[in-house]
Each structure stands twice: as structure tokens, then as C-alpha cells.
Amino acid sequence: MPHIVIKTISGPSKQQLQEAAEQISKIVNKTTGKPEKYISVSVEEYSLAEWEGVYNEYVKDKDNVLVRPGYTNPKTFT
């Protein structure tokens, strides 16, 4: 059932990432009605140098990105 992947630049603590994952699971449960026991969330951390590749592969010009970031240049975040 729903599997959510959080791709992020390294920095947040394990505890912060755990809390984010748990909150996302609760929101998906609340908004879709899928039981939490069927929802999984994983985290993939990247360095700042790797982020441009992540952005280009998974975000830029992708129709399935429903919430777009407020930047278009992943090198400067502007």
C-alpha cells in the first residue's frame, strides 16, 4: 500500500526524520483512509553536492510532483 519516500539533504537528526515519517504516515491515513499498518515511509539522505542530480531526476519537469519547491536552481535554491 502507500510507500512514501522522503529524499532530503543530510542534516536533520534521526529523531527529526523519525518524527517527520510518523507525522506523514498519520496524514496519509487521515486524508486517504488507508490504515497506518499499511503505510510505510523511508528516508534517503543526500549530500548538498548530490542534490542537483536528485532534483533533476525526481522533481524537475515531473508530472507526478504535486507540491513543487519554491526554487528552480538546486545549486543556489533560487
PDB file of N, CA and C in Angstrom:
ATOM      1  N   MET A   1       0.847  -1.167   0.000  1.00  0.00           N
ATOM      2  CA  MET A   1       0.000   0.000   0.000  1.00  0.00           C
ATOM      3  C   MET A   1       0.887   1.223   0.000  1.00  0.00           C
ATOM      4  N   PRO A   2       0.417   2.379   0.399  1.00  0.00           N
ATOM      5  CA  PRO A   2       1.261   3.549   0.179  1.00  0.00           C
ATOM      6  C   PRO A   2       2.656   3.405   0.782  1.00  0.00           C
ATOM      7  N   HIS A   3       3.641   3.684  -0.045  1.00  0.00           N
ATOM      8  CA  HIS A   3       5.015   3.789   0.435  1.00  0.00           C
ATOM      9  C   HIS A   3       5.501   5.171   0.048  1.00  0.00           C
ATOM     10  N   ILE A   4       5.895   5.938   1.023  1.00  0.00           N
ATOM     11  CA  ILE A   4       6.339   7.311   0.810  1.00  0.00           C
ATOM     12  C   ILE A   4       7.845   7.357   1.001  1.00  0.00           C
ATOM     13  N   VAL A   5       8.525   8.043   0.083  1.00  0.00           N
ATOM     14  CA  VAL A   5       9.972   8.192   0.175  1.00  0.00           C
ATOM     15  C   VAL A   5      10.273   9.672   0.400  1.00  0.00           C
ATOM     16  N   ILE A   6      10.986   9.949   1.467  1.00  0.00           N
ATOM     17  CA  ILE A   6      11.454  11.304   1.744  1.00  0.00           C
ATOM     18  C   ILE A   6      12.896  11.381   1.254  1.00  0.00           C
ATOM     19  N   LYS A   7      13.153  12.220   0.274  1.00  0.00           N
ATOM     20  CA  LYS A   7      14.513  12.469  -0.206  1.00  0.00           C
ATOM     21  C   LYS A   7      14.911  13.834   0.337  1.00  0.00           C
ATOM     22  N   THR A   8      16.011  13.887   1.055  1.00  0.00           N
ATOM     23  CA  THR A   8      16.389  15.133   1.705  1.00  0.00           C
ATOM     24  C   THR A   8      17.905  15.297   1.736  1.00  0.00           C
ATOM     25  N   ILE A   9      18.319  16.527   1.834  1.00  0.00           N
ATOM     26  CA  ILE A   9      19.736  16.806   2.050  1.00  0.00           C
ATOM     27  C   ILE A   9      20.037  16.433   3.502  1.00  0.00           C
ATOM     28  N   SER A  10      21.159  15.795   3.729  1.00  0.00           N
ATOM     29  CA  SER A  10      21.546  15.382   5.078  1.00  0.00           C
ATOM     30  C   SER A  10      21.546  16.582   6.018  1.00  0.00           C
ATOM     31  N   GLY A  11      21.188  16.330   7.241  1.00  0.00           N
ATOM     32  CA  GLY A  11      21.188  17.408   8.228  1.00  0.00           C
ATOM     33  C   GLY A  11      20.257  17.134   9.379  1.00  0.00           C
ATOM     34  N   PRO A  12      18.971  16.827   9.087  1.00  0.00           N
ATOM     35  CA  PRO A  12      18.080  16.555  10.210  1.00  0.00           C
ATOM     36  C   PRO A  12      18.556  15.326  10.998  1.00  0.00           C
ATOM     37  N   SER A  13      18.288  15.343  12.305  1.00  0.00           N
ATOM     38  CA  SER A  13      18.674  14.209  13.147  1.00  0.00           C
ATOM     39  C   SER A  13      17.773  13.011  12.844  1.00  0.00           C
ATOM     40  N   LYS A  14      18.220  11.842  13.279  1.00  0.00           N
ATOM     41  CA  LYS A  14      17.405  10.625  13.124  1.00  0.00           C
ATOM     42  C   LYS A  14      16.056  10.807  13.806  1.00  0.00           C
ATOM     43  N   GLN A  15      16.064  11.442  14.962  1.00  0.00           N
ATOM     44  CA  GLN A  15      14.825  11.683  15.698  1.00  0.00           C
ATOM     45  C   GLN A  15      13.879  12.590  14.901  1.00  0.00           C
ATOM     46  N   GLN A  16      14.412  13.646  14.303  1.00  0.00           N
ATOM     47  CA  GLN A  16      13.584  14.538  13.493  1.00  0.00           C
ATOM     48  C   GLN A  16      13.012  13.804  12.282  1.00  0.00           C
ATOM     49  N   LEU A  17      13.829  12.987  11.644  1.00  0.00           N
ATOM     50  CA  LEU A  17      13.357  12.233  10.479  1.00  0.00           C
ATOM     51  C   LEU A  17      12.302  11.204  10.890  1.00  0.00           C
ATOM     52  N   GLN A  18      12.497  10.560  12.031  1.00  0.00           N
ATOM     53  CA  GLN A  18      11.516   9.599  12.541  1.00  0.00           C
ATOM     54  C   GLN A  18      10.185  10.293  12.800  1.00  0.00           C
ATOM     55  N   GLU A  19      10.248  11.454  13.434  1.00  0.00           N
ATOM     56  CA  GLU A  19       9.019  12.204  13.722  1.00  0.00           C
ATOM     57  C   GLU A  19       8.328  12.635  12.428  1.00  0.00           C
ATOM     58  N   ALA A  20       9.088  13.103  11.460  1.00  0.00           N
ATOM     59  CA  ALA A  20       8.506  13.500  10.176  1.00  0.00           C
ATOM     60  C   ALA A  20       7.820  12.312   9.513  1.00  0.00           C
ATOM     61  N   ALA A  21       8.483  11.160   9.512  1.00  0.00           N
ATOM     62  CA  ALA A  21       7.919   9.964   8.893  1.00  0.00           C
ATOM     63  C   ALA A  21       6.618   9.562   9.579  1.00  0.00           C
ATOM     64  N   GLU A  22       6.602   9.597  10.901  1.00  0.00           N
ATOM     65  CA  GLU A  22       5.395   9.236  11.647  1.00  0.00           C
ATOM     66  C   GLU A  22       4.255  10.209  11.360  1.00  0.00           C
ATOM     67  N   GLN A  23       4.563  11.504  11.293  1.00  0.00           N
ATOM     68  CA  GLN A  23       3.528  12.502  11.005  1.00  0.00           C
ATOM     69  C   GLN A  23       2.992  12.340   9.577  1.00  0.00           C
ATOM     70  N   ILE A  24       3.868  12.066   8.639  1.00  0.00           N
ATOM     71  CA  ILE A  24       3.431  11.849   7.250  1.00  0.00           C
ATOM     72  C   ILE A  24       2.516  10.633   7.180  1.00  0.00           C
ATOM     73  N   SER A  25       2.870   9.570   7.890  1.00  0.00           N
ATOM     74  CA  SER A  25       2.026   8.372   7.920  1.00  0.00           C
ATOM     75  C   SER A  25       0.634   8.704   8.448  1.00  0.00           C
ATOM     76  N   LYS A  26       0.574   9.493   9.514  1.00  0.00           N
ATOM     77  CA  LYS A  26      -0.716   9.876  10.091  1.00  0.00           C
ATOM     78  C   LYS A  26      -1.537  10.711   9.111  1.00  0.00           C
ATOM     79  N   ILE A  27      -0.881  11.624   8.407  1.00  0.00           N
ATOM     80  CA  ILE A  27      -1.595  12.471   7.450  1.00  0.00           C
ATOM     81  C   ILE A  27      -2.119  11.639   6.278  1.00  0.00           C
ATOM     82  N   VAL A  28      -1.314  10.720   5.784  1.00  0.00           N
ATOM     83  CA  VAL A  28      -1.768   9.855   4.688  1.00  0.00           C
ATOM     84  C   VAL A  28      -2.956   9.016   5.152  1.00  0.00           C
ATOM     85  N   ASN A  29      -2.893   8.509   6.369  1.00  0.00           N
ATOM     86  CA  ASN A  29      -4.019   7.762   6.931  1.00  0.00           C
ATOM     87  C   ASN A  29      -5.275   8.630   6.983  1.00  0.00           C
ATOM     88  N   LYS A  30      -5.129   9.831   7.507  1.00  0.00           N
ATOM     89  CA  LYS A  30      -6.281  10.727   7.681  1.00  0.00           C
ATOM     90  C   LYS A  30      -6.886  11.156   6.342  1.00  0.00           C
ATOM     91  N   THR A  31      -6.044  11.456   5.368  1.00  0.00           N
ATOM     92  CA  THR A  31      -6.553  12.002   4.105  1.00  0.00           C
ATOM     93  C   THR A  31      -6.983  10.944   3.090  1.00  0.00           C
ATOM     94  N   THR A  32      -6.421   9.732   3.192  1.00  0.00           N
ATOM     95  CA  THR A  32      -6.779   8.690   2.205  1.00  0.00           C
ATOM     96  C   THR A  32      -7.591   7.554   2.812  1.00  0.00           C
ATOM     97  N   GLY A  33      -7.610   7.474   4.141  1.00  0.00           N
ATOM     98  CA  GLY A  33      -8.332   6.402   4.788  1.00  0.00           C
ATOM     99  C   GLY A  33      -7.576   5.075   4.815  1.00  0.00           C
ATOM    100  N   LYS A  34      -6.345   5.064   4.322  1.00  0.00           N
ATOM    101  CA  LYS A  34      -5.536   3.845   4.360  1.00  0.00           C
ATOM    102  C   LYS A  34      -5.075   3.610   5.797  1.00  0.00           C
ATOM    103  N   PRO A  35      -5.261   2.405   6.316  1.00  0.00           N
ATOM    104  CA  PRO A  35      -4.804   2.125   7.684  1.00  0.00           C
ATOM    105  C   PRO A  35      -3.296   2.316   7.822  1.00  0.00           C
ATOM    106  N   GLU A  36      -2.877   2.872   8.959  1.00  0.00           N
ATOM    107  CA  GLU A  36      -1.449   3.131   9.173  1.00  0.00           C
ATOM    108  C   GLU A  36      -0.613   1.859   9.093  1.00  0.00           C
ATOM    109  N   LYS A  37      -1.210   0.712   9.414  1.00  0.00           N
ATOM    110  CA  LYS A  37      -0.439  -0.528   9.359  1.00  0.00           C
ATOM    111  C   LYS A  37      -0.031  -0.888   7.931  1.00  0.00           C
ATOM    112  N   TYR A  38      -0.638  -0.241   6.950  1.00  0.00           N
ATOM    113  CA  TYR A  38      -0.285  -0.491   5.548  1.00  0.00           C
ATOM    114  C   TYR A  38       0.607   0.585   4.950  1.00  0.00           C
ATOM    115  N   ILE A  39       0.916   1.619   5.704  1.00  0.00           N
ATOM    116  CA  ILE A  39       1.695   2.753   5.205  1.00  0.00           C
ATOM    117  C   ILE A  39       3.141   2.599   5.650  1.00  0.00           C
ATOM    118  N   SER A  40       4.061   2.774   4.710  1.00  0.00           N
ATOM    119  CA  SER A  40       5.483   2.752   5.054  1.00  0.00           C
ATOM    120  C   SER A  40       6.130   4.038   4.555  1.00  0.00           C
ATOM    121  N   VAL A  41       7.154   4.460   5.274  1.00  0.00           N
ATOM    122  CA  VAL A  41       7.869   5.693   4.937  1.00  0.00           C
ATOM    123  C   VAL A  41       9.358   5.414   5.062  1.00  0.00           C
ATOM    124  N   SER A  42      10.109   5.750   4.022  1.00  0.00           N
ATOM    125  CA  SER A  42      11.564   5.619   4.095  1.00  0.00           C
ATOM    126  C   SER A  42      12.209   6.976   3.855  1.00  0.00           C
ATOM    127  N   VAL A  43      13.466   7.077   4.264  1.00  0.00           N
ATOM    128  CA  VAL A  43      14.215   8.324   4.116  1.00  0.00           C
ATOM    129  C   VAL A  43      15.500   8.037   3.361  1.00  0.00           C
ATOM    130  N   GLU A  44      15.778   8.876   2.377  1.00  0.00           N
ATOM    131  CA  GLU A  44      17.037   8.813   1.636  1.00  0.00           C
ATOM    132  C   GLU A  44      17.727  10.153   1.802  1.00  0.00           C
ATOM    133  N   GLU A  45      18.919  10.126   2.362  1.00  0.00           N
ATOM    134  CA  GLU A  45      19.659  11.362   2.595  1.00  0.00           C
ATOM    135  C   GLU A  45      20.748  11.523   1.542  1.00  0.00           C
ATOM    136  N   TYR A  46      20.932  12.761   1.110  1.00  0.00           N
ATOM    137  CA  TYR A  46      21.910  13.091   0.080  1.00  0.00           C
ATOM    138  C   TYR A  46      22.764  14.265   0.536  1.00  0.00           C
ATOM    139  N   SER A  47      23.958  14.333  -0.003  1.00  0.00           N
ATOM    140  CA  SER A  47      24.804  15.489   0.270  1.00  0.00           C
ATOM    141  C   SER A  47      24.314  16.664  -0.571  1.00  0.00           C
ATOM    142  N   LEU A  48      24.737  17.846  -0.213  1.00  0.00           N
ATOM    143  CA  LEU A  48      24.386  19.032  -0.986  1.00  0.00           C
ATOM    144  C   LEU A  48      24.874  18.888  -2.425  1.00  0.00           C
ATOM    145  N   ALA A  49      26.047  18.299  -2.606  1.00  0.00           N
ATOM    146  CA  ALA A  49      26.597  18.109  -3.954  1.00  0.00           C
ATOM    147  C   ALA A  49      25.753  17.140  -4.785  1.00  0.00           C
ATOM    148  N   GLU A  50      25.110  16.190  -4.136  1.00  0.00           N
ATOM    149  CA  GLU A  50      24.282  15.210  -4.850  1.00  0.00           C
ATOM    150  C   GLU A  50      22.884  15.729  -5.173  1.00  0.00           C
ATOM    151  N   TRP A  51      22.459  16.786  -4.493  1.00  0.00           N
ATOM    152  CA  TRP A  51      21.070  17.222  -4.582  1.00  0.00           C
ATOM    153  C   TRP A  51      20.648  17.631  -5.992  1.00  0.00           C
ATOM    154  N   GLU A  52      21.527  18.244  -6.760  1.00  0.00           N
ATOM    155  CA  GLU A  52      21.155  18.654  -8.119  1.00  0.00           C
ATOM    156  C   GLU A  52      20.709  17.429  -8.934  1.00  0.00           C
ATOM    157  N   GLY A  53      21.415  16.324  -8.794  1.00  0.00           N
ATOM    158  CA  GLY A  53      21.034  15.101  -9.502  1.00  0.00           C
ATOM    159  C   GLY A  53      19.686  14.578  -9.052  1.00  0.00           C
ATOM    160  N   VAL A  54      19.426  14.630  -7.750  1.00  0.00           N
ATOM    161  CA  VAL A  54      18.132  14.202  -7.219  1.00  0.00           C
ATOM    162  C   VAL A  54      17.028  15.094  -7.781  1.00  0.00           C
ATOM    163  N   TYR A  55      17.239  16.391  -7.727  1.00  0.00           N
ATOM    164  CA  TYR A  55      16.262  17.352  -8.238  1.00  0.00           C
ATOM    165  C   TYR A  55      15.969  17.097  -9.718  1.00  0.00           C
ATOM    166  N   ASN A  56      17.026  16.952 -10.504  1.00  0.00           N
ATOM    167  CA  ASN A  56      16.843  16.754 -11.939  1.00  0.00           C
ATOM    168  C   ASN A  56      16.130  15.438 -12.259  1.00  0.00           C
ATOM    169  N   GLU A  57      16.415  14.395 -11.489  1.00  0.00           N
ATOM    170  CA  GLU A  57      15.816  13.090 -11.775  1.00  0.00           C
ATOM    171  C   GLU A  57      14.392  12.943 -11.249  1.00  0.00           C
ATOM    172  N   TYR A  58      14.114  13.501 -10.081  1.00  0.00           N
ATOM    173  CA  TYR A  58      12.837  13.227  -9.431  1.00  0.00           C
ATOM    174  C   TYR A  58      11.868  14.408  -9.342  1.00  0.00           C
ATOM    175  N   VAL A  59      12.341  15.619  -9.565  1.00  0.00           N
ATOM    176  CA  VAL A  59      11.483  16.783  -9.367  1.00  0.00           C
ATOM    177  C   VAL A  59      11.264  17.577 -10.649  1.00  0.00           C
ATOM    178  N   LYS A  60      12.345  17.999 -11.275  1.00  0.00           N
ATOM    179  CA  LYS A  60      12.279  18.893 -12.429  1.00  0.00           C
ATOM    180  C   LYS A  60      11.422  18.301 -13.547  1.00  0.00           C
ATOM    181  N   ASP A  61      10.424  19.052 -13.947  1.00  0.00           N
ATOM    182  CA  ASP A  61       9.557  18.705 -15.075  1.00  0.00           C
ATOM    183  C   ASP A  61       8.810  17.382 -14.908  1.00  0.00           C
ATOM    184  N   LYS A  62       8.618  16.923 -13.683  1.00  0.00           N
ATOM    185  CA  LYS A  62       7.905  15.660 -13.449  1.00  0.00           C
ATOM    186  C   LYS A  62       6.434  15.952 -13.159  1.00  0.00           C
ATOM    187  N   ASP A  63       5.542  15.299 -13.886  1.00  0.00           N
ATOM    188  CA  ASP A  63       4.109  15.492 -13.702  1.00  0.00           C
ATOM    189  C   ASP A  63       3.595  14.964 -12.363  1.00  0.00           C
ATOM    190  N   ASN A  64       4.303  14.002 -11.774  1.00  0.00           N
ATOM    191  CA  ASN A  64       3.827  13.414 -10.525  1.00  0.00           C
ATOM    192  C   ASN A  64       4.248  14.199  -9.285  1.00  0.00           C
ATOM    193  N   VAL A  65       4.978  15.291  -9.449  1.00  0.00           N
ATOM    194  CA  VAL A  65       5.350  16.137  -8.310  1.00  0.00           C
ATOM    195  C   VAL A  65       4.170  17.086  -8.063  1.00  0.00           C
ATOM    196  N   LEU A  66       3.423  16.807  -7.004  1.00  0.00           N
ATOM    197  CA  LEU A  66       2.193  17.552  -6.734  1.00  0.00           C
ATOM    198  C   LEU A  66       2.427  18.823  -5.931  1.00  0.00           C
ATOM    199  N   VAL A  67       3.508  18.880  -5.185  1.00  0.00           N
ATOM    200  CA  VAL A  67       3.899  20.085  -4.446  1.00  0.00           C
ATOM    201  C   VAL A  67       5.303  20.427  -4.904  1.00  0.00           C
ATOM    202  N   ARG A  68       5.428  21.539  -5.597  1.00  0.00           N
ATOM    203  CA  ARG A  68       6.709  21.931  -6.172  1.00  0.00           C
ATOM    204  C   ARG A  68       7.489  22.816  -5.202  1.00  0.00           C
ATOM    205  N   PRO A  69       8.813  22.685  -5.213  1.00  0.00           N
ATOM    206  CA  PRO A  69       9.621  23.550  -4.347  1.00  0.00           C
ATOM    207  C   PRO A  69       9.589  24.991  -4.848  1.00  0.00           C
ATOM    208  N   GLY A  70       9.982  25.897  -3.989  1.00  0.00           N
ATOM    209  CA  GLY A  70       9.991  27.311  -4.331  1.00  0.00           C
ATOM    210  C   GLY A  70      11.284  27.753  -4.993  1.00  0.00           C
ATOM    211  N   TYR A  71      12.017  26.817  -5.571  1.00  0.00           N
ATOM    212  CA  TYR A  71      13.244  27.133  -6.289  1.00  0.00           C
ATOM    213  C   TYR A  71      13.286  26.340  -7.581  1.00  0.00           C
ATOM    214  N   THR A  72      14.054  26.817  -8.528  1.00  0.00           N
ATOM    215  CA  THR A  72      14.264  26.087  -9.785  1.00  0.00           C
ATOM    216  C   THR A  72      15.718  25.782 -10.034  1.00  0.00           C
ATOM    217  N   ASN A  73      16.591  26.376  -9.210  1.00  0.00           N
ATOM    218  CA  ASN A  73      18.033  26.124  -9.346  1.00  0.00           C
ATOM    219  C   ASN A  73      18.516  25.421  -8.076  1.00  0.00           C
ATOM    220  N   PRO A  74      18.730  24.089  -8.147  1.00  0.00           N
ATOM    221  CA  PRO A  74      19.127  23.364  -6.949  1.00  0.00           C
ATOM    222  C   PRO A  74      20.542  23.667  -6.467  1.00  0.00           C
ATOM    223  N   LYS A  75      21.320  24.426  -7.217  1.00  0.00           N
ATOM    224  CA  LYS A  75      22.651  24.823  -6.760  1.00  0.00           C
ATOM    225  C   LYS A  75      22.594  26.006  -5.816  1.00  0.00           C
ATOM    226  N   THR A  76      21.624  26.900  -6.048  1.00  0.00           N
ATOM    227  CA  THR A  76      21.525  28.113  -5.225  1.00  0.00           C
ATOM    228  C   THR A  76      20.210  28.217  -4.474  1.00  0.00           C
ATOM    229  N   PHE A  77      19.274  27.308  -4.773  1.00  0.00           N
ATOM    230  CA  PHE A  77      17.939  27.302  -4.173  1.00  0.00           C
ATOM    231  C   PHE A  77      17.194  28.608  -4.406  1.00  0.00           C
ATOM    232  N   THR A  78      17.374  29.125  -5.620  1.00  0.00           N
ATOM    233  CA  THR A  78      16.631  30.337  -6.012  1.00  0.00           C
ATOM    234  C   THR A  78      15.751  30.027  -7.196  1.00  0.00           C
TER     235      THR A  78
END
